[in-house]
PDB file of N, CA and C in Angstrom:
ATOM      1  N   MET A   1     180.378  70.825 111.195  1.00  0.00           N
ATOM      2  CA  MET A   1     179.253  70.771 112.149  1.00  0.00           C
ATOM      3  C   MET A   1     178.381  72.027 111.607  1.00  0.00           C
ATOM      4  N   LEU A   2     176.952  71.658 111.219  1.00  0.00           N
ATOM      5  CA  LEU A   2     176.130  72.590 110.998  1.00  0.00           C
ATOM      6  C   LEU A   2     175.850  73.454 111.903  1.00  0.00           C
ATOM      7  N   GLU A   3     175.708  74.648 111.629  1.00  0.00           N
ATOM      8  CA  GLU A   3     175.305  75.800 112.659  1.00  0.00           C
ATOM      9  C   GLU A   3     174.059  76.164 112.512  1.00  0.00           C
ATOM     10  N   VAL A   4     173.270  76.476 113.654  1.00  0.00           N
ATOM     11  CA  VAL A   4     171.911  76.516 113.541  1.00  0.00           C
ATOM     12  C   VAL A   4     171.773  78.177 113.596  1.00  0.00           C
ATOM     13  N   PRO A   5     170.839  78.772 112.577  1.00  0.00           N
ATOM     14  CA  PRO A   5     170.505  79.831 112.743  1.00  0.00           C
ATOM     15  C   PRO A   5     170.073  80.789 114.008  1.00  0.00           C
ATOM     16  N   GLU A   6     170.185  81.965 114.703  1.00  0.00           N
ATOM     17  CA  GLU A   6     169.767  82.242 115.961  1.00  0.00           C
ATOM     18  C   GLU A   6     168.478  82.369 115.743  1.00  0.00           C
ATOM     19  N   ASP A   7     167.889  82.829 114.306  1.00  0.00           N
ATOM     20  CA  ASP A   7     166.307  82.768 114.823  1.00  0.00           C
ATOM     21  C   ASP A   7     165.631  81.688 114.809  1.00  0.00           C
ATOM     22  N   ALA A   8     166.354  80.497 114.194  1.00  0.00           N
ATOM     23  CA  ALA A   8     165.798  79.114 114.129  1.00  0.00           C
ATOM     24  C   ALA A   8     165.551  78.794 115.618  1.00  0.00           C
ATOM     25  N   LYS A   9     166.867  78.965 116.295  1.00  0.00           N
ATOM     26  CA  LYS A   9     166.861  78.353 117.804  1.00  0.00           C
ATOM     27  C   LYS A   9     165.805  79.321 118.714  1.00  0.00           C
ATOM     28  N   ASN A  10     165.588  80.477 118.372  1.00  0.00           N
ATOM     29  CA  ASN A  10     164.615  81.208 119.217  1.00  0.00           C
ATOM     30  C   ASN A  10     163.037  80.411 118.671  1.00  0.00           C
ATOM     31  N   LEU A  11     162.890  79.896 117.651  1.00  0.00           N
ATOM     32  CA  LEU A  11     161.763  79.319 116.989  1.00  0.00           C
ATOM     33  C   LEU A  11     161.783  78.331 117.678  1.00  0.00           C
ATOM     34  N   ILE A  12     162.674  77.430 117.881  1.00  0.00           N
ATOM     35  CA  ILE A  12     162.587  75.900 118.319  1.00  0.00           C
ATOM     36  C   ILE A  12     162.171  76.387 119.812  1.00  0.00           C
ATOM     37  N   ALA A  13     162.959  77.225 120.666  1.00  0.00           N
ATOM     38  CA  ALA A  13     162.574  77.708 121.755  1.00  0.00           C
ATOM     39  C   ALA A  13     161.120  77.658 122.257  1.00  0.00           C
ATOM     40  N   GLN A  14     160.511  78.358 121.523  1.00  0.00           N
ATOM     41  CA  GLN A  14     159.312  78.838 121.218  1.00  0.00           C
ATOM     42  C   GLN A  14     158.363  77.723 121.179  1.00  0.00           C
ATOM     43  N   PHE A  15     158.443  76.628 119.997  1.00  0.00           N
ATOM     44  CA  PHE A  15     158.198  75.695 119.768  1.00  0.00           C
ATOM     45  C   PHE A  15     157.973  75.076 120.877  1.00  0.00           C
ATOM     46  N   GLN A  16     159.326  74.752 121.872  1.00  0.00           N
ATOM     47  CA  GLN A  16     159.273  73.636 122.912  1.00  0.00           C
ATOM     48  C   GLN A  16     158.282  74.083 123.980  1.00  0.00           C
ATOM     49  N   ASN A  17     158.600  75.411 124.259  1.00  0.00           N
ATOM     50  CA  ASN A  17     157.770  76.050 125.371  1.00  0.00           C
ATOM     51  C   ASN A  17     156.105  75.908 124.956  1.00  0.00           C
ATOM     52  N   TYR A  18     155.578  75.731 123.853  1.00  0.00           N
ATOM     53  CA  TYR A  18     154.325  75.732 123.088  1.00  0.00           C
ATOM     54  C   TYR A  18     153.887  74.383 123.609  1.00  0.00           C
ATOM     55  N   GLN A  19     154.756  73.438 123.163  1.00  0.00           N
ATOM     56  CA  GLN A  19     154.298  71.958 123.542  1.00  0.00           C
ATOM     57  C   GLN A  19     154.226  71.642 125.041  1.00  0.00           C
ATOM     58  N   GLN A  20     155.031  72.323 125.414  1.00  0.00           N
ATOM     59  CA  GLN A  20     154.950  71.927 126.966  1.00  0.00           C
ATOM     60  C   GLN A  20     153.746  72.469 127.731  1.00  0.00           C
ATOM     61  N   GLN A  21     153.356  73.726 127.188  1.00  0.00           N
ATOM     62  CA  GLN A  21     152.057  74.266 127.658  1.00  0.00           C
ATOM     63  C   GLN A  21     150.536  73.248 126.938  1.00  0.00           C
ATOM     64  N   LEU A  22     150.854  72.949 125.850  1.00  0.00           N
ATOM     65  CA  LEU A  22     149.771  71.948 125.414  1.00  0.00           C
ATOM     66  C   LEU A  22     149.818  70.506 126.121  1.00  0.00           C
ATOM     67  N   GLN A  23     150.861  70.076 126.584  1.00  0.00           N
ATOM     68  CA  GLN A  23     150.893  68.819 127.232  1.00  0.00           C
ATOM     69  C   GLN A  23     150.068  69.050 128.459  1.00  0.00           C
ATOM     70  N   ASN A  24     150.363  70.300 129.459  1.00  0.00           N
ATOM     71  CA  ASN A  24     149.938  70.641 130.531  1.00  0.00           C
ATOM     72  C   ASN A  24     148.453  70.913 130.509  1.00  0.00           C
ATOM     73  N   ILE A  25     148.223  71.266 129.187  1.00  0.00           N
ATOM     74  CA  ILE A  25     146.752  71.485 129.052  1.00  0.00           C
ATOM     75  C   ILE A  25     145.934  70.378 128.830  1.00  0.00           C
ATOM     76  N   LEU A  26     146.708  69.349 128.199  1.00  0.00           N
ATOM     77  CA  LEU A  26     145.929  67.974 128.047  1.00  0.00           C
ATOM     78  C   LEU A  26     145.879  67.397 129.257  1.00  0.00           C
ATOM     79  N   ILE A  27     146.736  67.253 129.998  1.00  0.00           N
ATOM     80  CA  ILE A  27     146.900  66.740 131.474  1.00  0.00           C
ATOM     81  C   ILE A  27     145.736  67.213 132.418  1.00  0.00           C
ATOM     82  N   GLN A  28     145.532  68.748 132.503  1.00  0.00           N
ATOM     83  CA  GLN A  28     144.292  69.190 133.096  1.00  0.00           C
ATOM     84  C   GLN A  28     143.043  68.497 132.722  1.00  0.00           C
ATOM     85  N   LYS A  29     143.062  68.800 131.224  1.00  0.00           N
ATOM     86  CA  LYS A  29     141.818  68.149 130.570  1.00  0.00           C
ATOM     87  C   LYS A  29     141.429  66.930 130.989  1.00  0.00           C
ATOM     88  N   GLU A  30     142.471  65.961 130.805  1.00  0.00           N
ATOM     89  CA  GLU A  30     142.149  64.724 131.333  1.00  0.00           C
ATOM     90  C   GLU A  30     141.759  64.754 132.871  1.00  0.00           C
ATOM     91  N   SER A  31     142.324  65.245 133.719  1.00  0.00           N
ATOM     92  CA  SER A  31     141.860  65.475 134.983  1.00  0.00           C
ATOM     93  C   SER A  31     140.269  65.731 135.235  1.00  0.00           C
ATOM     94  N   MET A  32     140.029  67.085 134.545  1.00  0.00           N
ATOM     95  CA  MET A  32     139.108  67.365 134.566  1.00  0.00           C
ATOM     96  C   MET A  32     137.650  66.261 134.459  1.00  0.00           C
ATOM     97  N   LYS A  33     138.060  65.650 132.925  1.00  0.00           N
ATOM     98  CA  LYS A  33     137.064  64.766 132.678  1.00  0.00           C
ATOM     99  C   LYS A  33     136.985  63.469 133.659  1.00  0.00           C
ATOM    100  N   MET A  34     138.016  63.375 134.090  1.00  0.00           N
ATOM    101  CA  MET A  34     137.863  62.104 135.117  1.00  0.00           C
ATOM    102  C   MET A  34     136.840  62.847 136.489  1.00  0.00           C
ATOM    103  N   GLN A  35     137.057  63.970 136.638  1.00  0.00           N
ATOM    104  CA  GLN A  35     136.290  64.514 137.957  1.00  0.00           C
ATOM    105  C   GLN A  35     134.748  64.720 137.267  1.00  0.00           C
ATOM    106  N   ASN A  36     134.843  65.019 135.988  1.00  0.00           N
ATOM    107  CA  ASN A  36     133.295  65.145 135.567  1.00  0.00           C
ATOM    108  C   ASN A  36     132.427  63.497 135.739  1.00  0.00           C
ATOM    109  N   LEU A  37     133.466  62.603 135.212  1.00  0.00           N
ATOM    110  CA  LEU A  37     132.972  61.160 135.307  1.00  0.00           C
ATOM    111  C   LEU A  37     132.752  60.689 136.464  1.00  0.00           C
ATOM    112  N   GLU A  38     133.221  60.984 137.502  1.00  0.00           N
ATOM    113  CA  GLU A  38     133.022  60.628 138.709  1.00  0.00           C
ATOM    114  C   GLU A  38     131.542  61.550 139.353  1.00  0.00           C
ATOM    115  N   ILE A  39     131.580  62.377 139.244  1.00  0.00           N
ATOM    116  CA  ILE A  39     130.183  63.365 139.542  1.00  0.00           C
ATOM    117  C   ILE A  39     129.090  62.940 138.645  1.00  0.00           C
ATOM    118  N   LYS A  40     129.337  62.363 137.670  1.00  0.00           N
ATOM    119  CA  LYS A  40     128.302  61.661 136.669  1.00  0.00           C
ATOM    120  C   LYS A  40     127.839  60.618 137.441  1.00  0.00           C
ATOM    121  N   ARG A  41     128.685  59.608 137.943  1.00  0.00           N
ATOM    122  CA  ARG A  41     128.507  58.442 138.536  1.00  0.00           C
ATOM    123  C   ARG A  41     127.633  58.787 139.875  1.00  0.00           C
ATOM    124  N   ALA A  42     128.198  59.644 140.796  1.00  0.00           N
ATOM    125  CA  ALA A  42     127.345  60.116 142.025  1.00  0.00           C
ATOM    126  C   ALA A  42     126.205  60.658 141.791  1.00  0.00           C
ATOM    127  N   LEU A  43     125.867  61.268 140.565  1.00  0.00           N
ATOM    128  CA  LEU A  43     124.489  61.824 140.611  1.00  0.00           C
ATOM    129  C   LEU A  43     123.439  60.814 140.239  1.00  0.00           C
ATOM    130  N   GLU A  44     124.196  59.751 139.563  1.00  0.00           N
ATOM    131  CA  GLU A  44     123.137  58.608 139.020  1.00  0.00           C
ATOM    132  C   GLU A  44     122.758  57.998 140.671  1.00  0.00           C
ATOM    133  N   GLU A  45     123.952  57.806 140.855  1.00  0.00           N
ATOM    134  CA  GLU A  45     123.582  56.643 142.562  1.00  0.00           C
ATOM    135  C   GLU A  45     122.760  57.895 143.369  1.00  0.00           C
ATOM    136  N   LEU A  46     122.658  59.104 143.184  1.00  0.00           N
ATOM    137  CA  LEU A  46     121.389  59.617 144.306  1.00  0.00           C
ATOM    138  C   LEU A  46     120.634  59.834 143.570  1.00  0.00           C
ATOM    139  N   ASN A  47     120.263  59.875 142.218  1.00  0.00           N
ATOM    140  CA  ASN A  47     118.876  59.613 141.541  1.00  0.00           C
ATOM    141  C   ASN A  47     118.469  58.549 141.873  1.00  0.00           C
ATOM    142  N   THR A  48     119.212  57.437 141.959  1.00  0.00           N
ATOM    143  CA  THR A  48     118.562  56.286 141.959  1.00  0.00           C
ATOM    144  C   THR A  48     118.206  55.846 143.666  1.00  0.00           C
ATOM    145  N   THR A  49     118.679  56.620 144.617  1.00  0.00           N
ATOM    146  CA  THR A  49     118.461  56.229 145.795  1.00  0.00           C
ATOM    147  C   THR A  49     116.851  56.412 146.533  1.00  0.00           C
ATOM    148  N   ALA A  50     116.331  55.980 147.302  1.00  0.00           N
ATOM    149  CA  ALA A  50     115.213  56.185 147.984  1.00  0.00           C
ATOM    150  C   ALA A  50     115.448  57.042 149.228  1.00  0.00           C
ATOM    151  N   GLN A  51     117.051  56.888 149.837  1.00  0.00           N
ATOM    152  CA  GLN A  51     117.345  57.687 150.867  1.00  0.00           C
ATOM    153  C   GLN A  51     116.793  59.104 151.123  1.00  0.00           C
ATOM    154  N   LYS A  52     116.691  59.762 151.770  1.00  0.00           N
ATOM    155  CA  LYS A  52     116.461  61.372 152.082  1.00  0.00           C
ATOM    156  C   LYS A  52     117.697  61.887 152.191  1.00  0.00           C
ATOM    157  N   THR A  53     118.669  61.173 152.795  1.00  0.00           N
ATOM    158  CA  THR A  53     120.079  61.864 153.069  1.00  0.00           C
ATOM    159  C   THR A  53     121.311  60.935 152.591  1.00  0.00           C
ATOM    160  N   ALA A  54     122.226  61.642 152.747  1.00  0.00           N
ATOM    161  CA  ALA A  54     123.476  60.766 152.244  1.00  0.00           C
ATOM    162  C   ALA A  54     124.679  61.337 152.671  1.00  0.00           C
ATOM    163  N   TYR A  55     125.923  60.597 152.938  1.00  0.00           N
ATOM    164  CA  TYR A  55     126.727  61.154 153.341  1.00  0.00           C
ATOM    165  C   TYR A  55     127.936  61.865 152.314  1.00  0.00           C
ATOM    166  N   LYS A  56     128.572  62.907 152.708  1.00  0.00           N
ATOM    167  CA  LYS A  56     129.625  63.725 151.896  1.00  0.00           C
ATOM    168  C   LYS A  56     130.878  63.844 152.612  1.00  0.00           C
ATOM    169  N   ILE A  57     132.036  63.260 151.910  1.00  0.00           N
ATOM    170  CA  ILE A  57     133.154  63.420 152.467  1.00  0.00           C
ATOM    171  C   ILE A  57     133.754  64.757 152.286  1.00  0.00           C
ATOM    172  N   THR A  58     134.136  65.301 153.563  1.00  0.00           N
ATOM    173  CA  THR A  58     134.772  66.784 153.392  1.00  0.00           C
ATOM    174  C   THR A  58     135.816  67.036 154.156  1.00  0.00           C
ATOM    175  N   GLY A  59     136.790  66.835 153.508  1.00  0.00           N
ATOM    176  CA  GLY A  59     138.211  66.926 154.259  1.00  0.00           C
ATOM    177  C   GLY A  59     138.533  65.110 154.697  1.00  0.00           C
ATOM    178  N   GLN A  60     138.440  65.122 156.085  1.00  0.00           N
ATOM    179  CA  GLN A  60     138.751  64.077 156.474  1.00  0.00           C
ATOM    180  C   GLN A  60     137.259  63.682 157.477  1.00  0.00           C
ATOM    181  N   ILE A  61     136.233  64.264 157.047  1.00  0.00           N
ATOM    182  CA  ILE A  61     135.129  64.077 157.909  1.00  0.00           C
ATOM    183  C   ILE A  61     134.030  63.472 156.933  1.00  0.00           C
ATOM    184  N   MET A  62     133.032  62.763 157.630  1.00  0.00           N
ATOM    185  CA  MET A  62     131.774  62.295 156.642  1.00  0.00           C
ATOM    186  C   MET A  62     130.619  63.374 157.206  1.00  0.00           C
ATOM    187  N   ALA A  63     129.941  63.943 156.354  1.00  0.00           N
ATOM    188  CA  ALA A  63     128.724  64.887 156.817  1.00  0.00           C
ATOM    189  C   ALA A  63     127.641  64.345 156.313  1.00  0.00           C
ATOM    190  N   ASN A  64     126.376  64.151 156.999  1.00  0.00           N
ATOM    191  CA  ASN A  64     124.988  63.580 156.272  1.00  0.00           C
ATOM    192  C   ASN A  64     124.441  64.674 155.867  1.00  0.00           C
ATOM    193  N   LYS A  65     124.267  64.807 155.008  1.00  0.00           N
ATOM    194  CA  LYS A  65     123.252  65.907 154.063  1.00  0.00           C
ATOM    195  C   LYS A  65     121.916  65.554 153.471  1.00  0.00           C
ATOM    196  N   PRO A  66     121.026  66.129 153.081  1.00  0.00           N
ATOM    197  CA  PRO A  66     120.387  66.086 152.120  1.00  0.00           C
ATOM    198  C   PRO A  66     120.571  65.698 151.072  1.00  0.00           C
ATOM    199  N   VAL A  67     119.820  64.677 150.117  1.00  0.00           N
ATOM    200  CA  VAL A  67     120.270  64.343 148.851  1.00  0.00           C
ATOM    201  C   VAL A  67     120.181  65.397 147.868  1.00  0.00           C
ATOM    202  N   GLU A  68     119.083  66.066 148.283  1.00  0.00           N
ATOM    203  CA  GLU A  68     118.851  67.025 146.880  1.00  0.00           C
ATOM    204  C   GLU A  68     119.767  68.054 147.132  1.00  0.00           C
ATOM    205  N   GLU A  69     120.138  68.462 148.135  1.00  0.00           N
ATOM    206  CA  GLU A  69     121.482  69.665 148.447  1.00  0.00           C
ATOM    207  C   GLU A  69     122.737  68.871 147.737  1.00  0.00           C
ATOM    208  N   LEU A  70     122.992  67.769 148.139  1.00  0.00           N
ATOM    209  CA  LEU A  70     124.165  66.933 147.439  1.00  0.00           C
ATOM    210  C   LEU A  70     123.974  67.043 145.737  1.00  0.00           C
ATOM    211  N   LYS A  71     122.760  66.698 145.539  1.00  0.00           N
ATOM    212  CA  LYS A  71     122.762  66.866 143.688  1.00  0.00           C
ATOM    213  C   LYS A  71     122.873  68.131 143.218  1.00  0.00           C
ATOM    214  N   ASN A  72     122.371  69.334 144.122  1.00  0.00           N
ATOM    215  CA  ASN A  72     122.851  70.799 143.709  1.00  0.00           C
ATOM    216  C   ASN A  72     124.227  71.003 143.895  1.00  0.00           C
ATOM    217  N   GLU A  73     124.829  70.778 144.922  1.00  0.00           N
ATOM    218  CA  GLU A  73     126.186  70.855 145.118  1.00  0.00           C
ATOM    219  C   GLU A  73     126.960  70.201 143.651  1.00  0.00           C
ATOM    220  N   LEU A  74     126.732  69.068 143.513  1.00  0.00           N
ATOM    221  CA  LEU A  74     127.382  68.110 142.431  1.00  0.00           C
ATOM    222  C   LEU A  74     127.265  68.825 141.119  1.00  0.00           C
ATOM    223  N   GLY A  75     125.847  69.146 140.814  1.00  0.00           N
ATOM    224  CA  GLY A  75     125.574  69.781 139.696  1.00  0.00           C
ATOM    225  C   GLY A  75     126.173  71.093 139.386  1.00  0.00           C
ATOM    226  N   GLU A  76     126.315  72.119 140.267  1.00  0.00           N
ATOM    227  CA  GLU A  76     127.034  73.122 140.348  1.00  0.00           C
ATOM    228  C   GLU A  76     128.548  72.905 139.925  1.00  0.00           C
ATOM    229  N   THR A  77     129.275  71.603 140.867  1.00  0.00           N
ATOM    230  CA  THR A  77     130.520  71.655 140.701  1.00  0.00           C
ATOM    231  C   THR A  77     130.767  71.071 138.881  1.00  0.00           C
ATOM    232  N   LYS A  78     129.867  69.956 138.230  1.00  0.00           N
ATOM    233  CA  LYS A  78     129.911  69.598 136.980  1.00  0.00           C
ATOM    234  C   LYS A  78     129.906  70.758 136.215  1.00  0.00           C
ATOM    235  N   GLU A  79     129.067  71.835 136.438  1.00  0.00           N
ATOM    236  CA  GLU A  79     128.779  73.239 135.314  1.00  0.00           C
ATOM    237  C   GLU A  79     130.182  73.743 135.496  1.00  0.00           C
ATOM    238  N   ASN A  80     130.758  73.875 136.575  1.00  0.00           N
ATOM    239  CA  ASN A  80     132.204  74.609 136.804  1.00  0.00           C
ATOM    240  C   ASN A  80     133.287  73.986 135.974  1.00  0.00           C
ATOM    241  N   ILE A  81     133.196  72.340 135.921  1.00  0.00           N
ATOM    242  CA  ILE A  81     133.961  71.653 135.390  1.00  0.00           C
ATOM    243  C   ILE A  81     133.941  71.566 133.722  1.00  0.00           C
ATOM    244  N   ASP A  82     132.647  71.758 133.456  1.00  0.00           N
ATOM    245  CA  ASP A  82     132.375  71.916 132.072  1.00  0.00           C
ATOM    246  C   ASP A  82     132.946  73.341 131.355  1.00  0.00           C
ATOM    247  N   VAL A  83     132.827  74.011 132.058  1.00  0.00           N
ATOM    248  CA  VAL A  83     133.203  75.421 131.546  1.00  0.00           C
ATOM    249  C   VAL A  83     134.720  75.389 131.742  1.00  0.00           C
ATOM    250  N   ARG A  84     135.523  74.742 132.492  1.00  0.00           N
ATOM    251  CA  ARG A  84     136.863  74.628 132.752  1.00  0.00           C
ATOM    252  C   ARG A  84     137.238  73.941 131.794  1.00  0.00           C
ATOM    253  N   ILE A  85     136.717  72.758 131.195  1.00  0.00           N
ATOM    254  CA  ILE A  85     137.145  72.085 130.153  1.00  0.00           C
ATOM    255  C   ILE A  85     136.943  72.755 128.709  1.00  0.00           C
ATOM    256  N   LYS A  86     135.761  73.523 128.523  1.00  0.00           N
ATOM    257  CA  LYS A  86     135.755  74.131 127.353  1.00  0.00           C
ATOM    258  C   LYS A  86     136.751  75.291 127.143  1.00  0.00           C
ATOM    259  N   SER A  87     137.406  75.816 128.374  1.00  0.00           N
ATOM    260  CA  SER A  87     138.498  76.694 128.365  1.00  0.00           C
ATOM    261  C   SER A  87     139.602  76.223 128.029  1.00  0.00           C
ATOM    262  N   LEU A  88     140.062  75.033 128.479  1.00  0.00           N
ATOM    263  CA  LEU A  88     140.878  74.278 127.847  1.00  0.00           C
ATOM    264  C   LEU A  88     141.001  74.015 126.568  1.00  0.00           C
ATOM    265  N   GLU A  89     139.896  73.481 125.985  1.00  0.00           N
ATOM    266  CA  GLU A  89     139.758  72.967 124.824  1.00  0.00           C
ATOM    267  C   GLU A  89     140.036  74.226 124.086  1.00  0.00           C
ATOM    268  N   LYS A  90     139.571  75.257 124.283  1.00  0.00           N
ATOM    269  CA  LYS A  90     140.158  76.596 123.572  1.00  0.00           C
ATOM    270  C   LYS A  90     141.305  77.199 123.234  1.00  0.00           C
ATOM    271  N   ASN A  91     142.066  76.786 124.626  1.00  0.00           N
ATOM    272  CA  ASN A  91     143.612  77.084 124.940  1.00  0.00           C
ATOM    273  C   ASN A  91     144.053  76.016 123.591  1.00  0.00           C
ATOM    274  N   GLU A  92     143.845  74.726 123.998  1.00  0.00           N
ATOM    275  CA  GLU A  92     144.290  73.624 123.341  1.00  0.00           C
ATOM    276  C   GLU A  92     144.338  73.994 121.985  1.00  0.00           C
ATOM    277  N   GLU A  93     143.453  74.849 121.105  1.00  0.00           N
ATOM    278  CA  GLU A  93     143.314  74.834 119.965  1.00  0.00           C
ATOM    279  C   GLU A  93     144.189  75.905 119.436  1.00  0.00           C
ATOM    280  N   ARG A  94     144.199  76.874 120.343  1.00  0.00           N
ATOM    281  CA  ARG A  94     145.102  78.258 120.092  1.00  0.00           C
ATOM    282  C   ARG A  94     146.391  77.873 119.944  1.00  0.00           C
ATOM    283  N   LEU A  95     147.007  76.807 121.261  1.00  0.00           N
ATOM    284  CA  LEU A  95     148.193  76.676 120.953  1.00  0.00           C
ATOM    285  C   LEU A  95     148.894  75.067 119.775  1.00  0.00           C
ATOM    286  N   ASN A  96     147.600  74.711 119.460  1.00  0.00           N
ATOM    287  CA  ASN A  96     147.914  73.602 118.500  1.00  0.00           C
ATOM    288  C   ASN A  96     148.040  74.573 117.224  1.00  0.00           C
ATOM    289  N   GLY A  97     147.231  75.721 117.124  1.00  0.00           N
ATOM    290  CA  GLY A  97     147.565  76.931 115.820  1.00  0.00           C
ATOM    291  C   GLY A  97     148.998  77.366 115.497  1.00  0.00           C
ATOM    292  N   LYS A  98     149.468  77.921 117.266  1.00  0.00           N
ATOM    293  CA  LYS A  98     150.761  78.265 117.266  1.00  0.00           C
ATOM    294  C   LYS A  98     151.800  77.441 116.838  1.00  0.00           C
ATOM    295  N   LEU A  99     151.505  75.914 117.195  1.00  0.00           N
ATOM    296  CA  LEU A  99     152.478  75.081 117.118  1.00  0.00           C
ATOM    297  C   LEU A  99     152.474  75.073 115.499  1.00  0.00           C
ATOM    298  N   LYS A 100     151.605  74.926 114.376  1.00  0.00           N
ATOM    299  CA  LYS A 100     151.546  74.655 113.212  1.00  0.00           C
ATOM    300  C   LYS A 100     152.188  75.933 112.760  1.00  0.00           C
ATOM    301  N   ASP A 101     151.965  77.182 112.894  1.00  0.00           N
ATOM    302  CA  ASP A 101     152.321  78.328 112.547  1.00  0.00           C
ATOM    303  C   ASP A 101     154.184  78.306 112.583  1.00  0.00           C
ATOM    304  N   LEU A 102     154.651  78.081 113.804  1.00  0.00           N
ATOM    305  CA  LEU A 102     155.996  77.804 114.119  1.00  0.00           C
ATOM    306  C   LEU A 102     156.782  76.562 113.199  1.00  0.00           C
ATOM    307  N   GLN A 103     156.175  75.807 113.063  1.00  0.00           N
ATOM    308  CA  GLN A 103     156.507  74.464 112.414  1.00  0.00           C
ATOM    309  C   GLN A 103     156.815  75.014 111.000  1.00  0.00           C
ATOM    310  N   GLU A 104     155.755  75.795 110.391  1.00  0.00           N
ATOM    311  CA  GLU A 104     155.827  76.359 108.682  1.00  0.00           C
ATOM    312  C   GLU A 104     157.305  77.168 108.722  1.00  0.00           C
ATOM    313  N   LYS A 105     157.136  78.364 109.667  1.00  0.00           N
ATOM    314  CA  LYS A 105     158.469  78.880 109.847  1.00  0.00           C
ATOM    315  C   LYS A 105     159.818  78.639 109.995  1.00  0.00           C
ATOM    316  N   LEU A 106     159.525  77.225 110.733  1.00  0.00           N
ATOM    317  CA  LEU A 106     160.981  76.526 111.209  1.00  0.00           C
ATOM    318  C   LEU A 106     161.471  75.916 109.881  1.00  0.00           C
ATOM    319  N   LYS A 107     160.234  75.140 108.999  1.00  0.00           N
ATOM    320  CA  LYS A 107     160.800  74.733 107.863  1.00  0.00           C
ATOM    321  C   LYS A 107     161.399  75.600 106.793  1.00  0.00           C
ATOM    322  N   GLU A 108     160.845  76.979 106.868  1.00  0.00           N
ATOM    323  CA  GLU A 108     161.470  77.924 105.995  1.00  0.00           C
ATOM    324  C   GLU A 108     162.688  78.511 106.624  1.00  0.00           C
ATOM    325  N   VAL A 109     163.018  78.412 107.905  1.00  0.00           N
ATOM    326  CA  VAL A 109     164.159  78.958 108.215  1.00  0.00           C
ATOM    327  C   VAL A 109     165.152  78.023 108.035  1.00  0.00           C
ATOM    328  N   ILE A 110     165.058  76.580 108.195  1.00  0.00           N
ATOM    329  CA  ILE A 110     165.644  75.614 108.259  1.00  0.00           C
ATOM    330  C   ILE A 110     166.400  75.169 106.685  1.00  0.00           C
ATOM    331  N   LYS A 111     165.736  75.642 105.872  1.00  0.00           N
ATOM    332  CA  LYS A 111     165.620  75.285 104.322  1.00  0.00           C
ATOM    333  C   LYS A 111     167.150  75.749 103.804  1.00  0.00           C
TER     334      LYS A 111
END
């Protein structure tokens, strides 16, 4: 039976950890993109309505609010999500770089 060196085991454990982190980031990023799409659609609806007020669901109630206020709230939320997506993308790039480095190290150790 082939014995794996201890340093290779450590590298493999690190590699798996980074893969898990990357998967979590990708899931979060996809969720943020879906929220962004929903906000975009809501803003489009608010921009085309002639109404002065609209309903906002807050928890388990619906509150009647001015359309302009809702637009501002959604715009701020969209900006926050955009910043979060950029942050996740930077983390994704960083982890991809670490995974490539570890992959090269593993190739050298396993040879």
